[in-house]
C-alpha atoms as a PDB file:
ATOM      1  CA  MET A   1      -5.325   0.288 -14.927  1.00  0.00           C
ATOM      2  CA  SER A   2      -4.165   2.114 -11.826  1.00  0.00           C
ATOM      3  CA  ALA A   3      -0.538   1.907 -10.769  1.00  0.00           C
ATOM      4  CA  TYR A   4       0.147   1.170  -7.121  1.00  0.00           C
ATOM      5  CA  ALA A   5       3.229   1.668  -5.009  1.00  0.00           C
ATOM      6  CA  VAL A   6       3.796  -0.315  -1.834  1.00  0.00           C
ATOM      7  CA  GLY A   7       3.637   1.476   1.483  1.00  0.00           C
ATOM      8  CA  PHE A   8       4.890   0.195   4.818  1.00  0.00           C
ATOM      9  CA  ALA A   9       2.926   1.101   7.948  1.00  0.00           C
ATOM     10  CA  ARG A  10       5.474   2.507  10.342  1.00  0.00           C
ATOM     11  CA  PRO A  11       4.407   2.520  14.022  1.00  0.00           C
ATOM     12  CA  ASP A  12       5.015   6.288  14.227  1.00  0.00           C
ATOM     13  CA  ARG A  13       2.886   6.949  11.120  1.00  0.00           C
ATOM     14  CA  ARG A  14      -0.338   5.054  11.903  1.00  0.00           C
ATOM     15  CA  SER A  15      -3.623   6.755  11.058  1.00  0.00           C
ATOM     16  CA  TRP A  16      -6.536   6.819  13.460  1.00  0.00           C
ATOM     17  CA  ALA A  17      -8.441   4.640  10.978  1.00  0.00           C
ATOM     18  CA  GLN A  18      -6.030   1.740  11.518  1.00  0.00           C
ATOM     19  CA  PRO A  19      -5.721   0.039  14.941  1.00  0.00           C
ATOM     20  CA  VAL A  20      -2.251   0.262  16.504  1.00  0.00           C
ATOM     21  CA  ASP A  21      -2.038  -3.513  16.851  1.00  0.00           C
ATOM     22  CA  GLN A  22      -2.975  -4.171  13.218  1.00  0.00           C
ATOM     23  CA  PRO A  23      -0.461  -6.777  11.967  1.00  0.00           C
ATOM     24  CA  MET A  24      -0.923  -5.989   8.265  1.00  0.00           C
ATOM     25  CA  SER A  25       2.082  -3.822   7.475  1.00  0.00           C
ATOM     26  CA  TRP A  26       1.978  -3.597   3.654  1.00  0.00           C
ATOM     27  CA  HIS A  27      -0.450  -1.207   1.960  1.00  0.00           C
ATOM     28  CA  ALA A  28      -1.266  -0.013  -1.568  1.00  0.00           C
ATOM     29  CA  VAL A  29      -0.599   3.620  -2.473  1.00  0.00           C
ATOM     30  CA  GLU A  30      -1.990   5.083  -5.692  1.00  0.00           C
ATOM     31  CA  ALA A  31       1.013   6.134  -7.756  1.00  0.00           C
ATOM     32  CA  HIS A  32       0.210   9.385  -9.552  1.00  0.00           C
ATOM     33  CA  ARG A  33       3.867   9.676 -10.550  1.00  0.00           C
ATOM     34  CA  PRO A  34       6.643   7.100 -11.075  1.00  0.00           C
ATOM     35  CA  VAL A  35       7.096   4.781  -8.091  1.00  0.00           C
ATOM     36  CA  ASP A  36      10.820   5.535  -7.827  1.00  0.00           C
ATOM     37  CA  GLU A  37       9.924   9.213  -7.246  1.00  0.00           C
ATOM     38  CA  LEU A  38       7.677   8.167  -4.349  1.00  0.00           C
ATOM     39  CA  ASP A  39      10.315   5.981  -2.660  1.00  0.00           C
ATOM     40  CA  GLY A  40      10.649   7.047   0.973  1.00  0.00           C
ATOM     41  CA  GLU A  41       7.739   9.495   0.834  1.00  0.00           C
ATOM     42  CA  VAL A  42       4.979   9.428   3.448  1.00  0.00           C
ATOM     43  CA  GLU A  43       1.655   8.912   1.653  1.00  0.00           C
ATOM     44  CA  LEU A  44      -1.955   7.939   2.278  1.00  0.00           C
ATOM     45  CA  ALA A  45      -2.741   4.301   1.419  1.00  0.00           C
ATOM     46  CA  VAL A  46      -5.951   3.365  -0.397  1.00  0.00           C
ATOM     47  CA  CYS A  47      -7.362   2.112   2.941  1.00  0.00           C
ATOM     48  CA  GLY A  48      -6.631   5.400   4.724  1.00  0.00           C
ATOM     49  CA  ALA A  49      -3.489   4.343   6.612  1.00  0.00           C
ATOM     50  CA  ILE A  50      -0.518   6.699   6.641  1.00  0.00           C
ATOM     51  CA  VAL A  51       2.468   4.797   5.254  1.00  0.00           C
ATOM     52  CA  GLN A  52       5.982   5.284   3.947  1.00  0.00           C
ATOM     53  CA  VAL A  53       6.443   4.171   0.348  1.00  0.00           C
ATOM     54  CA  TRP A  54       8.822   1.251  -0.083  1.00  0.00           C
ATOM     55  CA  GLY A  55       9.766   1.737  -3.729  1.00  0.00           C
ATOM     56  CA  ASN A  56      11.599  -1.530  -4.312  1.00  0.00           C
ATOM     57  CA  GLN A  57       8.440  -3.596  -3.670  1.00  0.00           C
ATOM     58  CA  ASP A  58       5.827  -4.497  -6.284  1.00  0.00           C
ATOM     59  CA  TRP A  59       2.205  -4.248  -5.044  1.00  0.00           C
ATOM     60  CA  GLU A  60       1.000  -7.035  -7.331  1.00  0.00           C
ATOM     61  CA  ARG A  61       3.446  -9.427  -5.641  1.00  0.00           C
ATOM     62  CA  VAL A  62       3.083  -8.073  -2.091  1.00  0.00           C
ATOM     63  CA  SER A  63      -0.732  -8.097  -2.218  1.00  0.00           C
ATOM     64  CA  ALA A  64      -0.705 -11.897  -2.436  1.00  0.00           C
ATOM     65  CA  GLY A  65       1.032 -12.199   0.934  1.00  0.00           C
ATOM     66  CA  ARG A  66      -0.426 -12.683   4.387  1.00  0.00           C
ATOM     67  CA  SER A  67       1.040  -9.438   5.742  1.00  0.00           C
ATOM     68  CA  SER A  68      -0.852  -7.229   3.270  1.00  0.00           C
ATOM     69  CA  CYS A  69      -3.744  -5.040   4.346  1.00  0.00           C
ATOM     70  CA  ALA A  70      -6.994  -6.841   3.467  1.00  0.00           C
ATOM     71  CA  GLU A  71      -8.758  -3.547   2.705  1.00  0.00           C
ATOM     72  CA  CYS A  72      -6.005  -2.472   0.278  1.00  0.00           C
ATOM     73  CA  VAL A  73      -6.143  -5.876  -1.418  1.00  0.00           C
ATOM     74  CA  ARG A  74      -9.935  -5.636  -1.734  1.00  0.00           C
ATOM     75  CA  ARG A  75      -9.859  -2.094  -3.128  1.00  0.00           C
ATOM     76  CA  THR A  76      -7.131  -2.840  -5.675  1.00  0.00           C
ATOM     77  CA  ALA A  77      -8.426  -6.269  -6.766  1.00  0.00           C
ATOM     78  CA  PRO A  78     -10.326  -5.031  -9.876  1.00  0.00           C
ATOM     79  CA  ALA A  79      -7.215  -3.209 -11.130  1.00  0.00           C
ATOM     80  CA  LEU A  80      -4.962  -6.200 -10.445  1.00  0.00           C
ATOM     81  CA  ARG A  81      -7.271  -8.594 -12.309  1.00  0.00           C
ATOM     82  CA  HIS A  82      -6.975  -6.464 -15.451  1.00  0.00           C
ATOM     83  CA  ALA A  83      -3.204  -6.008 -15.138  1.00  0.00           C
ATOM     84  CA  GLY A  84      -2.226  -8.977 -17.283  1.00  0.00           C
END
């Protein structure tokens, strides 16, 4: 299973791949080290957006919400299904 941190799309950190008016602010970030070490870091989300890691959020919980990036949810779905 892959571990994912939660990234927040800051307006000043948007990638060209993500439209400026995209309302989905929460993104999945592959965590190659402990999430608390990534807290506050600027990283690339699984969908290609540039985000700032929000270490006190759990991707499994955030991905169920309406403000999560649909592409991140789709790409992480197989890992989340096997997480239990």
